[in-house]
Amino acid sequence: MEIKILGSGCAKCHQLEQTVKEVVNEMCIDAEIYYVKNISSIMEYPIITTPGLVINEKVVSSGRVPSKAEITSFITTALENE
């Protein structure tokens, strides 16, 4: 599983990264987590505002920090679709 946090380095982006790491650890799954800060790379995804959350190349959230429960749900859905 590949998870990307899209953001410029703001507090919300760091908060999202930390929450994603917590969820991945709690779920005991094997996931590569990347923090994408390059603006041209971020613009490759259909998001208007950061932070963005991309799981297996699918944008699941943008412009806000989802709750741990939401992130767990996003990851669970992605695992089911693998």
C-alpha atoms as a PDB file:
ATOM      1  CA  MET A   1       0.000   0.000   0.000  1.00  0.00           C
ATOM      2  CA  GLU A   2       1.229   3.461  -0.864  1.00  0.00           C
ATOM      3  CA  ILE A   3       0.002   6.494   1.040  1.00  0.00           C
ATOM      4  CA  LYS A   4       0.887  10.061   0.132  1.00  0.00           C
ATOM      5  CA  ILE A   5       0.334  13.218   2.104  1.00  0.00           C
ATOM      6  CA  LEU A   6       0.243  16.192  -0.245  1.00  0.00           C
ATOM      7  CA  GLY A   7       1.156  19.517   1.316  1.00  0.00           C
ATOM      8  CA  SER A   8       3.526  22.411   1.580  1.00  0.00           C
ATOM      9  CA  GLY A   9       4.637  21.719   5.134  1.00  0.00           C
ATOM     10  CA  CYS A  10       1.885  23.505   7.053  1.00  0.00           C
ATOM     11  CA  ALA A  11       0.716  22.434  10.509  1.00  0.00           C
ATOM     12  CA  LYS A  12      -2.358  20.637   9.121  1.00  0.00           C
ATOM     13  CA  CYS A  13      -0.171  18.682   6.695  1.00  0.00           C
ATOM     14  CA  HIS A  14       2.110  17.556   9.524  1.00  0.00           C
ATOM     15  CA  GLN A  15      -0.928  16.673  11.638  1.00  0.00           C
ATOM     16  CA  LEU A  16      -2.307  14.527   8.804  1.00  0.00           C
ATOM     17  CA  GLU A  17       1.046  12.780   8.370  1.00  0.00           C
ATOM     18  CA  GLN A  18       1.227  11.986  12.090  1.00  0.00           C
ATOM     19  CA  THR A  19      -2.350  10.689  12.206  1.00  0.00           C
ATOM     20  CA  VAL A  20      -1.792   8.479   9.144  1.00  0.00           C
ATOM     21  CA  LYS A  21       1.337   6.997  10.740  1.00  0.00           C
ATOM     22  CA  GLU A  22      -0.593   6.284  13.955  1.00  0.00           C
ATOM     23  CA  VAL A  23      -3.401   4.530  12.063  1.00  0.00           C
ATOM     24  CA  VAL A  24      -0.980   2.452   9.969  1.00  0.00           C
ATOM     25  CA  ASN A  25       0.857   1.361  13.141  1.00  0.00           C
ATOM     26  CA  GLU A  26      -2.393   0.553  14.964  1.00  0.00           C
ATOM     27  CA  MET A  27      -3.668  -1.488  12.009  1.00  0.00           C
ATOM     28  CA  CYS A  28      -0.306  -3.290  11.689  1.00  0.00           C
ATOM     29  CA  ILE A  29      -0.255  -2.961   7.917  1.00  0.00           C
ATOM     30  CA  ASP A  30       2.632  -2.670   5.521  1.00  0.00           C
ATOM     31  CA  ALA A  31       2.447   0.770   3.944  1.00  0.00           C
ATOM     32  CA  GLU A  32       4.893   3.171   2.351  1.00  0.00           C
ATOM     33  CA  ILE A  33       4.124   6.705   3.520  1.00  0.00           C
ATOM     34  CA  TYR A  34       5.396   9.646   1.502  1.00  0.00           C
ATOM     35  CA  TYR A  35       5.157  13.355   2.226  1.00  0.00           C
ATOM     36  CA  VAL A  36       4.936  15.133  -1.135  1.00  0.00           C
ATOM     37  CA  LYS A  37       5.934  18.800  -0.845  1.00  0.00           C
ATOM     38  CA  ASN A  38       6.849  19.522  -4.465  1.00  0.00           C
ATOM     39  CA  ILE A  39       4.170  21.818  -5.888  1.00  0.00           C
ATOM     40  CA  SER A  40       4.380  20.425  -9.428  1.00  0.00           C
ATOM     41  CA  SER A  41       3.976  16.887  -8.049  1.00  0.00           C
ATOM     42  CA  ILE A  42       0.982  17.977  -5.944  1.00  0.00           C
ATOM     43  CA  MET A  43      -0.618  19.583  -9.004  1.00  0.00           C
ATOM     44  CA  GLU A  44      -0.683  16.176 -10.722  1.00  0.00           C
ATOM     45  CA  TYR A  45      -3.574  15.273  -8.399  1.00  0.00           C
ATOM     46  CA  PRO A  46      -7.098  16.721  -8.647  1.00  0.00           C
ATOM     47  CA  ILE A  47      -7.030  18.713  -5.410  1.00  0.00           C
ATOM     48  CA  ILE A  48      -7.663  22.412  -4.858  1.00  0.00           C
ATOM     49  CA  THR A  49      -6.350  22.819  -1.311  1.00  0.00           C
ATOM     50  CA  THR A  50      -3.930  20.937   0.901  1.00  0.00           C
ATOM     51  CA  PRO A  51      -3.520  18.781   2.821  1.00  0.00           C
ATOM     52  CA  GLY A  52      -4.353  15.998   0.441  1.00  0.00           C
ATOM     53  CA  LEU A  53      -4.448  12.298   1.232  1.00  0.00           C
ATOM     54  CA  VAL A  54      -3.792   9.799  -1.557  1.00  0.00           C
ATOM     55  CA  ILE A  55      -4.036   6.049  -1.051  1.00  0.00           C
ATOM     56  CA  ASN A  56      -2.843   3.791  -3.876  1.00  0.00           C
ATOM     57  CA  GLU A  57      -2.954   6.768  -6.259  1.00  0.00           C
ATOM     58  CA  LYS A  58      -6.578   7.623  -5.388  1.00  0.00           C
ATOM     59  CA  VAL A  59      -7.341  10.959  -3.722  1.00  0.00           C
ATOM     60  CA  VAL A  60      -9.496  10.193  -0.690  1.00  0.00           C
ATOM     61  CA  SER A  61      -9.403  13.572   1.065  1.00  0.00           C
ATOM     62  CA  SER A  62      -8.301  17.144   0.455  1.00  0.00           C
ATOM     63  CA  GLY A  63      -8.479  20.509   2.155  1.00  0.00           C
ATOM     64  CA  ARG A  64      -8.914  19.129   5.672  1.00  0.00           C
ATOM     65  CA  VAL A  65      -7.518  16.711   8.219  1.00  0.00           C
ATOM     66  CA  PRO A  66      -9.767  13.641   8.403  1.00  0.00           C
ATOM     67  CA  SER A  67     -10.345  11.952  11.755  1.00  0.00           C
ATOM     68  CA  LYS A  68      -8.557   8.744  12.728  1.00  0.00           C
ATOM     69  CA  ALA A  69     -11.798   6.859  12.133  1.00  0.00           C
ATOM     70  CA  GLU A  70     -12.088   8.289   8.616  1.00  0.00           C
ATOM     71  CA  ILE A  71      -8.465   7.454   7.806  1.00  0.00           C
ATOM     72  CA  THR A  72      -8.993   3.917   9.117  1.00  0.00           C
ATOM     73  CA  SER A  73     -12.026   3.612   6.854  1.00  0.00           C
ATOM     74  CA  PHE A  74     -10.090   4.930   3.824  1.00  0.00           C
ATOM     75  CA  ILE A  75      -7.290   2.424   4.417  1.00  0.00           C
ATOM     76  CA  THR A  76      -9.716  -0.465   5.021  1.00  0.00           C
ATOM     77  CA  THR A  77     -11.531   0.303   1.766  1.00  0.00           C
ATOM     78  CA  ALA A  78      -8.222   0.479  -0.117  1.00  0.00           C
ATOM     79  CA  LEU A  79      -7.145  -2.888   1.325  1.00  0.00           C
ATOM     80  CA  GLU A  80     -10.434  -4.466   0.242  1.00  0.00           C
ATOM     81  CA  ASN A  81      -9.901  -3.153  -3.298  1.00  0.00           C
ATOM     82  CA  GLU A  82      -6.350  -4.469  -3.668  1.00  0.00           C
END
